[in-house]
C-alpha cells in the first residue's frame, strides 16, 4: 500500500523532521488509520537509499497517520510516496 507524505510534525517555532504525517487514499477515518499502527514504512530517495520507519499513531479524525523514521527525511520528500509493508 502507498501513502503520501503531507508534512513534518511541527510546533509553532520548529519542526521534527523524523516525525512525518502521512495520508492514504482509501483511509478516511481514525478507526481505519488505527489498523496500520505498528507496520513498517519505507521512503526511497532519488539515489536509491531506503529510509525505514514505523507507524506510531493516528493523526486527527480524517485518516492520517504519524510515522517515526530512523533518520530525518529531506525537505524534497514532501508530497512523495512511501510504501507500507
N, C-alpha and C. Protein backbone atom coordinates (compact mmCIF):
# COMPACT_ATOMS: atom_id res chain seq x y z
N UNK A 1 0.84 -1.17 0.00
CA UNK A 1 0.00 0.00 0.00
C UNK A 1 0.89 1.24 0.00
N UNK A 2 0.46 2.28 -0.67
CA UNK A 2 1.23 3.51 -0.76
C UNK A 2 0.51 4.66 -0.08
N UNK A 3 1.30 5.54 0.51
CA UNK A 3 0.78 6.75 1.13
C UNK A 3 1.55 7.95 0.63
N UNK A 4 1.06 9.14 0.94
CA UNK A 4 1.70 10.38 0.51
C UNK A 4 2.11 11.16 1.75
N UNK A 5 3.34 11.65 1.75
CA UNK A 5 3.85 12.45 2.86
C UNK A 5 3.24 13.84 2.78
N UNK A 6 2.53 14.24 3.84
CA UNK A 6 1.93 15.57 3.86
C UNK A 6 2.84 16.62 4.46
N UNK A 7 3.37 16.34 5.64
CA UNK A 7 4.14 17.35 6.33
C UNK A 7 4.97 16.71 7.42
N UNK A 8 5.90 17.49 7.94
CA UNK A 8 6.61 17.10 9.14
C UNK A 8 5.72 17.43 10.34
N UNK A 9 5.90 16.70 11.42
CA UNK A 9 5.19 17.05 12.63
C UNK A 9 5.89 18.29 13.19
N UNK A 10 5.12 19.33 13.51
CA UNK A 10 5.74 20.58 13.85
C UNK A 10 5.04 21.31 14.98
N UNK A 11 5.77 22.26 15.51
CA UNK A 11 5.24 23.17 16.51
C UNK A 11 5.24 24.56 15.90
N UNK A 12 5.00 25.55 16.70
CA UNK A 12 4.94 26.90 16.17
C UNK A 12 6.31 27.38 15.70
N UNK A 13 7.35 27.03 16.41
CA UNK A 13 8.67 27.58 16.12
C UNK A 13 9.66 26.58 15.53
N UNK A 14 9.34 25.31 15.48
CA UNK A 14 10.27 24.32 14.95
C UNK A 14 9.51 23.12 14.40
N UNK A 15 10.23 22.25 13.68
CA UNK A 15 9.61 21.04 13.15
C UNK A 15 10.50 19.84 13.42
N UNK A 16 9.87 18.70 13.58
CA UNK A 16 10.58 17.45 13.83
C UNK A 16 10.65 16.71 12.50
N UNK A 17 11.84 16.60 11.92
CA UNK A 17 11.96 16.03 10.58
C UNK A 17 11.97 14.51 10.57
N UNK A 18 11.99 13.87 11.73
CA UNK A 18 11.86 12.42 11.81
C UNK A 18 10.40 12.01 11.94
N UNK A 19 9.55 12.90 12.43
CA UNK A 19 8.14 12.63 12.63
C UNK A 19 7.39 13.12 11.40
N UNK A 20 6.71 12.20 10.72
CA UNK A 20 6.08 12.51 9.45
C UNK A 20 4.58 12.24 9.54
N UNK A 21 3.79 13.08 8.89
CA UNK A 21 2.35 12.88 8.78
C UNK A 21 2.07 12.37 7.37
N UNK A 22 1.40 11.22 7.29
CA UNK A 22 1.15 10.54 6.02
C UNK A 22 -0.35 10.32 5.86
N UNK A 23 -0.85 10.41 4.61
CA UNK A 23 -2.25 10.11 4.35
C UNK A 23 -2.34 8.99 3.31
N UNK A 24 -3.44 8.26 3.37
CA UNK A 24 -3.72 7.18 2.41
C UNK A 24 -4.98 7.54 1.64
N UNK A 25 -5.12 6.97 0.46
CA UNK A 25 -6.24 7.31 -0.39
C UNK A 25 -7.54 6.65 0.10
N UNK A 26 -7.51 5.42 0.58
CA UNK A 26 -8.72 4.70 0.96
C UNK A 26 -9.10 4.94 2.41
N UNK A 27 -8.21 5.46 3.22
CA UNK A 27 -8.44 5.59 4.65
C UNK A 27 -9.05 6.96 4.92
N UNK A 28 -10.27 6.96 5.51
CA UNK A 28 -10.95 8.23 5.72
C UNK A 28 -11.49 8.40 7.14
N UNK A 29 -11.05 7.55 8.07
CA UNK A 29 -11.50 7.70 9.46
C UNK A 29 -10.37 7.28 10.40
N UNK A 30 -10.50 7.70 11.64
CA UNK A 30 -9.48 7.39 12.65
C UNK A 30 -9.43 5.89 12.93
N UNK A 31 -10.56 5.21 12.90
CA UNK A 31 -10.61 3.77 13.17
C UNK A 31 -9.86 2.98 12.09
N UNK A 32 -10.02 3.38 10.84
CA UNK A 32 -9.30 2.70 9.75
C UNK A 32 -7.79 2.97 9.85
N UNK A 33 -7.42 4.16 10.29
CA UNK A 33 -6.00 4.50 10.41
C UNK A 33 -5.33 3.72 11.54
N UNK A 34 -6.07 3.42 12.59
CA UNK A 34 -5.50 2.69 13.73
C UNK A 34 -5.10 1.27 13.36
N UNK A 35 -5.65 0.71 12.29
CA UNK A 35 -5.29 -0.64 11.85
C UNK A 35 -3.86 -0.73 11.36
N UNK A 36 -3.27 0.39 10.97
CA UNK A 36 -1.91 0.40 10.42
C UNK A 36 -0.84 0.65 11.47
N UNK A 37 -1.23 0.90 12.70
CA UNK A 37 -0.26 1.19 13.76
C UNK A 37 0.62 -0.04 13.98
N UNK A 38 1.93 0.17 14.00
CA UNK A 38 2.90 -0.91 14.19
C UNK A 38 3.51 -1.44 12.91
N UNK A 39 2.96 -1.08 11.76
CA UNK A 39 3.51 -1.56 10.48
C UNK A 39 4.73 -0.73 10.10
N UNK A 40 5.57 -1.32 9.27
CA UNK A 40 6.79 -0.67 8.79
C UNK A 40 6.47 0.14 7.54
N UNK A 41 7.20 1.24 7.37
CA UNK A 41 7.03 2.11 6.22
C UNK A 41 8.41 2.49 5.70
N UNK A 42 8.58 2.59 4.37
CA UNK A 42 9.88 2.93 3.79
C UNK A 42 9.72 4.07 2.78
N UNK A 43 10.73 4.93 2.76
CA UNK A 43 10.81 6.01 1.79
C UNK A 43 12.09 5.79 0.99
N UNK A 44 11.99 5.84 -0.34
CA UNK A 44 13.15 5.66 -1.20
C UNK A 44 13.57 7.01 -1.76
N UNK A 45 14.84 7.36 -1.55
CA UNK A 45 15.36 8.63 -2.04
C UNK A 45 15.65 8.53 -3.54
N UNK A 46 16.01 9.66 -4.14
CA UNK A 46 16.33 9.68 -5.57
C UNK A 46 17.56 8.88 -5.88
N UNK A 47 18.49 8.75 -4.92
CA UNK A 47 19.70 7.97 -5.15
C UNK A 47 19.51 6.48 -4.89
N UNK A 48 18.34 6.08 -4.45
CA UNK A 48 18.06 4.67 -4.23
C UNK A 48 18.17 4.20 -2.80
N UNK A 49 18.55 5.07 -1.89
CA UNK A 49 18.63 4.68 -0.48
C UNK A 49 17.22 4.57 0.10
N UNK A 50 17.06 3.61 1.00
CA UNK A 50 15.78 3.43 1.66
C UNK A 50 15.89 3.85 3.11
N UNK A 51 14.97 4.69 3.54
CA UNK A 51 14.87 5.12 4.93
C UNK A 51 13.61 4.49 5.49
N UNK A 52 13.77 3.70 6.54
CA UNK A 52 12.62 2.99 7.07
C UNK A 52 12.13 3.62 8.36
N UNK A 53 10.89 3.34 8.66
CA UNK A 53 10.28 3.87 9.88
C UNK A 53 9.13 2.98 10.31
N UNK A 54 8.39 3.44 11.30
CA UNK A 54 7.28 2.67 11.85
C UNK A 54 6.10 3.60 12.09
N UNK A 55 4.91 3.12 11.79
CA UNK A 55 3.70 3.89 12.04
C UNK A 55 3.40 3.81 13.52
N UNK A 56 3.27 4.99 14.16
CA UNK A 56 3.11 5.04 15.60
C UNK A 56 1.68 5.30 16.05
N UNK A 57 0.93 6.18 15.36
CA UNK A 57 -0.41 6.51 15.83
C UNK A 57 -1.20 7.17 14.71
N UNK A 58 -2.50 7.30 14.95
CA UNK A 58 -3.36 8.05 14.04
C UNK A 58 -3.16 9.54 14.32
N UNK A 59 -3.46 10.36 13.31
CA UNK A 59 -3.30 11.80 13.45
C UNK A 59 -4.60 12.46 12.99
N UNK A 60 -5.37 12.97 13.92
CA UNK A 60 -6.63 13.62 13.57
C UNK A 60 -7.73 12.60 13.34
N UNK A 61 -8.84 13.07 12.80
CA UNK A 61 -10.02 12.22 12.60
C UNK A 61 -10.27 11.87 11.15
N UNK A 62 -9.41 12.31 10.23
CA UNK A 62 -9.65 12.07 8.81
C UNK A 62 -8.78 10.99 8.20
N UNK A 63 -8.13 10.16 9.00
CA UNK A 63 -7.40 9.02 8.48
C UNK A 63 -5.93 9.22 8.24
N UNK A 64 -5.34 10.31 8.66
CA UNK A 64 -3.90 10.48 8.55
C UNK A 64 -3.21 9.70 9.67
N UNK A 65 -1.95 9.38 9.46
CA UNK A 65 -1.17 8.66 10.46
C UNK A 65 0.13 9.39 10.72
N UNK A 66 0.75 9.08 11.86
CA UNK A 66 2.07 9.61 12.20
C UNK A 66 3.06 8.48 12.14
N UNK A 67 4.19 8.72 11.50
CA UNK A 67 5.24 7.72 11.41
C UNK A 67 6.54 8.32 11.96
N UNK A 68 7.33 7.46 12.59
CA UNK A 68 8.63 7.86 13.12
C UNK A 68 9.70 7.13 12.32
N UNK A 69 10.56 7.89 11.62
CA UNK A 69 11.60 7.31 10.79
C UNK A 69 12.90 7.21 11.56
N UNK A 70 13.80 6.33 11.08
CA UNK A 70 15.07 6.10 11.76
C UNK A 70 16.01 7.29 11.65
N UNK A 71 15.86 8.09 10.62
CA UNK A 71 16.63 9.32 10.46
C UNK A 71 15.74 10.35 9.77
N UNK A 72 16.19 11.58 9.77
CA UNK A 72 15.38 12.67 9.22
C UNK A 72 15.23 12.55 7.71
N UNK A 73 14.05 12.90 7.22
CA UNK A 73 13.80 12.91 5.79
C UNK A 73 14.12 14.29 5.23
N UNK A 74 14.55 14.35 3.96
CA UNK A 74 14.85 15.65 3.36
C UNK A 74 13.56 16.42 3.05
N UNK A 75 13.69 17.70 2.83
CA UNK A 75 12.53 18.53 2.52
C UNK A 75 11.90 18.16 1.18
N UNK A 76 12.68 17.57 0.27
CA UNK A 76 12.14 17.16 -1.02
C UNK A 76 11.17 15.99 -0.90
N UNK A 77 11.10 15.36 0.25
CA UNK A 77 10.22 14.20 0.42
C UNK A 77 8.75 14.61 0.56
N UNK A 78 8.47 15.86 0.85
CA UNK A 78 7.09 16.30 0.99
C UNK A 78 6.35 16.12 -0.33
N UNK A 79 5.20 15.46 -0.29
CA UNK A 79 4.43 15.18 -1.49
C UNK A 79 4.82 13.90 -2.19
N UNK A 80 5.86 13.21 -1.73
CA UNK A 80 6.32 11.98 -2.36
C UNK A 80 5.60 10.77 -1.75
N UNK A 81 5.78 9.62 -2.37
CA UNK A 81 5.11 8.40 -1.92
C UNK A 81 5.99 7.59 -0.97
N UNK A 82 5.36 6.89 -0.06
CA UNK A 82 6.01 5.94 0.82
C UNK A 82 5.28 4.61 0.71
N UNK A 83 5.99 3.52 0.98
CA UNK A 83 5.39 2.19 0.91
C UNK A 83 5.19 1.64 2.31
N UNK A 84 4.03 1.07 2.55
CA UNK A 84 3.73 0.42 3.82
C UNK A 84 3.88 -1.07 3.61
N UNK A 85 4.70 -1.70 4.45
CA UNK A 85 4.97 -3.14 4.31
C UNK A 85 4.07 -3.95 5.22
